[in-house]
Amino acid sequence: MAFIACIHCLSVRVYPYMGFMTGQQYQCQDCESISPIIIEFDSEEDRLAFQAARDAEEEE
């Protein structure tokens, strides 16, 4: 099962915000950012691995 995540905080609590002629946009329920870009993961393990790699990169 694939699911989407926020590009800012990686929360999976993302829902469609706007669409039609403006193009699809999403809003995160956790950080409240609105963006046309989301990240799609195939599994929870993929999301956790991505988050761990991003956190390790930020620490450097």
N, C-alpha and C. Protein backbone atom coordinates (compact mmCIF):
# COMPACT_ATOMS: atom_id res chain seq x y z
N MET A 1 0.84 -1.18 0.00
CA MET A 1 0.00 0.00 0.00
C MET A 1 0.89 1.25 0.00
N ALA A 2 0.73 2.10 -0.96
CA ALA A 2 1.49 3.34 -1.05
C ALA A 2 0.76 4.45 -0.28
N PHE A 3 1.52 5.37 0.27
CA PHE A 3 0.92 6.51 0.95
C PHE A 3 1.80 7.73 0.75
N ILE A 4 1.24 8.90 1.01
CA ILE A 4 1.96 10.15 0.78
C ILE A 4 2.38 10.77 2.10
N ALA A 5 3.43 11.62 2.03
CA ALA A 5 3.94 12.27 3.23
C ALA A 5 4.30 13.72 2.90
N CYS A 6 4.28 14.55 3.91
CA CYS A 6 4.64 15.96 3.80
C CYS A 6 6.13 16.10 3.50
N ILE A 7 6.51 17.01 2.60
CA ILE A 7 7.92 17.19 2.27
C ILE A 7 8.67 17.94 3.37
N HIS A 8 7.96 18.61 4.27
CA HIS A 8 8.60 19.38 5.32
C HIS A 8 8.85 18.57 6.59
N CYS A 9 7.81 17.88 7.07
CA CYS A 9 7.93 17.17 8.35
C CYS A 9 7.79 15.65 8.22
N LEU A 10 7.53 15.16 7.02
CA LEU A 10 7.35 13.74 6.72
C LEU A 10 6.14 13.10 7.41
N SER A 11 5.21 13.92 7.83
CA SER A 11 3.98 13.40 8.42
C SER A 11 3.13 12.75 7.33
N VAL A 12 2.42 11.70 7.67
CA VAL A 12 1.52 11.06 6.72
C VAL A 12 0.11 11.64 6.82
N ARG A 13 -0.07 12.63 7.68
CA ARG A 13 -1.37 13.28 7.84
C ARG A 13 -1.50 14.43 6.84
N VAL A 14 -1.54 14.06 5.55
CA VAL A 14 -1.61 15.01 4.44
C VAL A 14 -2.91 14.77 3.70
N TYR A 15 -3.59 15.84 3.33
CA TYR A 15 -4.83 15.68 2.59
C TYR A 15 -4.90 16.70 1.45
N PRO A 16 -5.68 16.41 0.41
CA PRO A 16 -5.82 17.37 -0.69
C PRO A 16 -6.38 18.69 -0.18
N TYR A 17 -5.79 19.78 -0.63
CA TYR A 17 -6.19 21.11 -0.18
C TYR A 17 -6.95 21.85 -1.28
N MET A 18 -6.43 21.76 -2.49
CA MET A 18 -7.02 22.50 -3.60
C MET A 18 -6.73 21.76 -4.89
N GLY A 19 -7.51 21.97 -5.87
CA GLY A 19 -7.26 21.31 -7.13
C GLY A 19 -7.88 22.06 -8.28
N PHE A 20 -8.33 21.34 -9.26
CA PHE A 20 -8.96 21.84 -10.46
C PHE A 20 -7.97 22.62 -11.31
N MET A 21 -8.23 23.86 -11.66
CA MET A 21 -7.38 24.60 -12.59
C MET A 21 -6.06 25.05 -11.95
N THR A 22 -6.00 25.13 -10.66
CA THR A 22 -4.77 25.57 -9.99
C THR A 22 -3.77 24.43 -9.85
N GLY A 23 -4.17 23.23 -10.13
CA GLY A 23 -3.31 22.08 -9.91
C GLY A 23 -3.50 21.56 -8.50
N GLN A 24 -3.21 20.30 -8.30
CA GLN A 24 -3.41 19.68 -6.99
C GLN A 24 -2.43 20.24 -5.97
N GLN A 25 -2.92 20.59 -4.80
CA GLN A 25 -2.09 21.01 -3.68
C GLN A 25 -2.52 20.21 -2.46
N TYR A 26 -1.59 20.07 -1.51
CA TYR A 26 -1.84 19.28 -0.31
C TYR A 26 -1.52 20.11 0.92
N GLN A 27 -2.23 19.85 2.01
CA GLN A 27 -1.95 20.52 3.28
C GLN A 27 -1.64 19.47 4.33
N CYS A 28 -0.59 19.71 5.10
CA CYS A 28 -0.20 18.83 6.19
C CYS A 28 -0.97 19.22 7.44
N GLN A 29 -1.54 18.27 8.13
CA GLN A 29 -2.28 18.55 9.35
C GLN A 29 -1.36 18.81 10.53
N ASP A 30 -0.09 18.39 10.43
CA ASP A 30 0.83 18.58 11.55
C ASP A 30 1.57 19.92 11.48
N CYS A 31 2.22 20.22 10.35
CA CYS A 31 2.97 21.48 10.25
C CYS A 31 2.19 22.55 9.50
N GLU A 32 1.02 22.21 8.97
CA GLU A 32 0.11 23.12 8.29
C GLU A 32 0.67 23.73 7.01
N SER A 33 1.75 23.18 6.46
CA SER A 33 2.29 23.70 5.20
C SER A 33 1.39 23.26 4.05
N ILE A 34 1.34 24.10 3.02
CA ILE A 34 0.57 23.81 1.82
C ILE A 34 1.55 23.74 0.67
N SER A 35 1.50 22.65 -0.09
CA SER A 35 2.49 22.44 -1.14
C SER A 35 1.90 21.59 -2.26
N PRO A 36 2.34 21.85 -3.51
CA PRO A 36 1.92 20.98 -4.60
C PRO A 36 2.79 19.72 -4.67
N ILE A 37 3.82 19.66 -3.84
CA ILE A 37 4.76 18.54 -3.87
C ILE A 37 4.61 17.71 -2.60
N ILE A 38 4.51 16.40 -2.78
CA ILE A 38 4.46 15.45 -1.67
C ILE A 38 5.45 14.34 -1.97
N ILE A 39 5.73 13.52 -0.99
CA ILE A 39 6.60 12.36 -1.18
C ILE A 39 5.72 11.13 -1.05
N GLU A 40 5.88 10.18 -1.96
CA GLU A 40 5.10 8.95 -1.92
C GLU A 40 6.02 7.79 -1.56
N PHE A 41 5.63 7.02 -0.56
CA PHE A 41 6.39 5.86 -0.12
C PHE A 41 5.57 4.60 -0.34
N ASP A 42 6.26 3.50 -0.60
CA ASP A 42 5.58 2.22 -0.79
C ASP A 42 5.25 1.54 0.53
N SER A 43 6.03 1.86 1.59
CA SER A 43 5.79 1.22 2.89
C SER A 43 6.26 2.13 4.01
N GLU A 44 5.84 1.81 5.22
CA GLU A 44 6.26 2.56 6.40
C GLU A 44 7.76 2.43 6.62
N GLU A 45 8.32 1.27 6.30
CA GLU A 45 9.77 1.06 6.45
C GLU A 45 10.54 2.00 5.52
N ASP A 46 10.04 2.22 4.32
CA ASP A 46 10.69 3.15 3.39
C ASP A 46 10.68 4.57 3.94
N ARG A 47 9.56 4.97 4.54
CA ARG A 47 9.45 6.32 5.11
C ARG A 47 10.42 6.49 6.28
N LEU A 48 10.50 5.48 7.14
CA LEU A 48 11.40 5.56 8.29
C LEU A 48 12.86 5.58 7.85
N ALA A 49 13.22 4.81 6.83
CA ALA A 49 14.59 4.82 6.31
C ALA A 49 14.92 6.18 5.70
N PHE A 50 13.99 6.77 4.97
CA PHE A 50 14.19 8.09 4.38
C PHE A 50 14.36 9.14 5.47
N GLN A 51 13.53 9.07 6.51
CA GLN A 51 13.62 10.03 7.61
C GLN A 51 14.94 9.89 8.35
N ALA A 52 15.40 8.67 8.58
CA ALA A 52 16.68 8.45 9.26
C ALA A 52 17.83 9.00 8.43
N ALA A 53 17.80 8.79 7.12
CA ALA A 53 18.86 9.31 6.24
C ALA A 53 18.83 10.83 6.22
N ARG A 54 17.64 11.43 6.19
CA ARG A 54 17.52 12.89 6.19
C ARG A 54 18.02 13.47 7.52
N ASP A 55 17.68 12.83 8.63
CA ASP A 55 18.13 13.30 9.94
C ASP A 55 19.64 13.19 10.06
N ALA A 56 20.24 12.12 9.56
CA ALA A 56 21.69 11.94 9.61
C ALA A 56 22.39 12.99 8.76
N GLU A 57 21.81 13.33 7.62
CA GLU A 57 22.39 14.36 6.75
C GLU A 57 22.34 15.74 7.39
N GLU A 58 21.25 16.03 8.11
CA GLU A 58 21.11 17.32 8.78
C GLU A 58 22.09 17.46 9.93
N GLU A 59 22.48 16.36 10.57
CA GLU A 59 23.42 16.40 11.69
C GLU A 59 24.83 16.71 11.25
N GLU A 60 25.16 16.41 9.99
CA GLU A 60 26.52 16.63 9.50
C GLU A 60 26.83 18.06 9.26
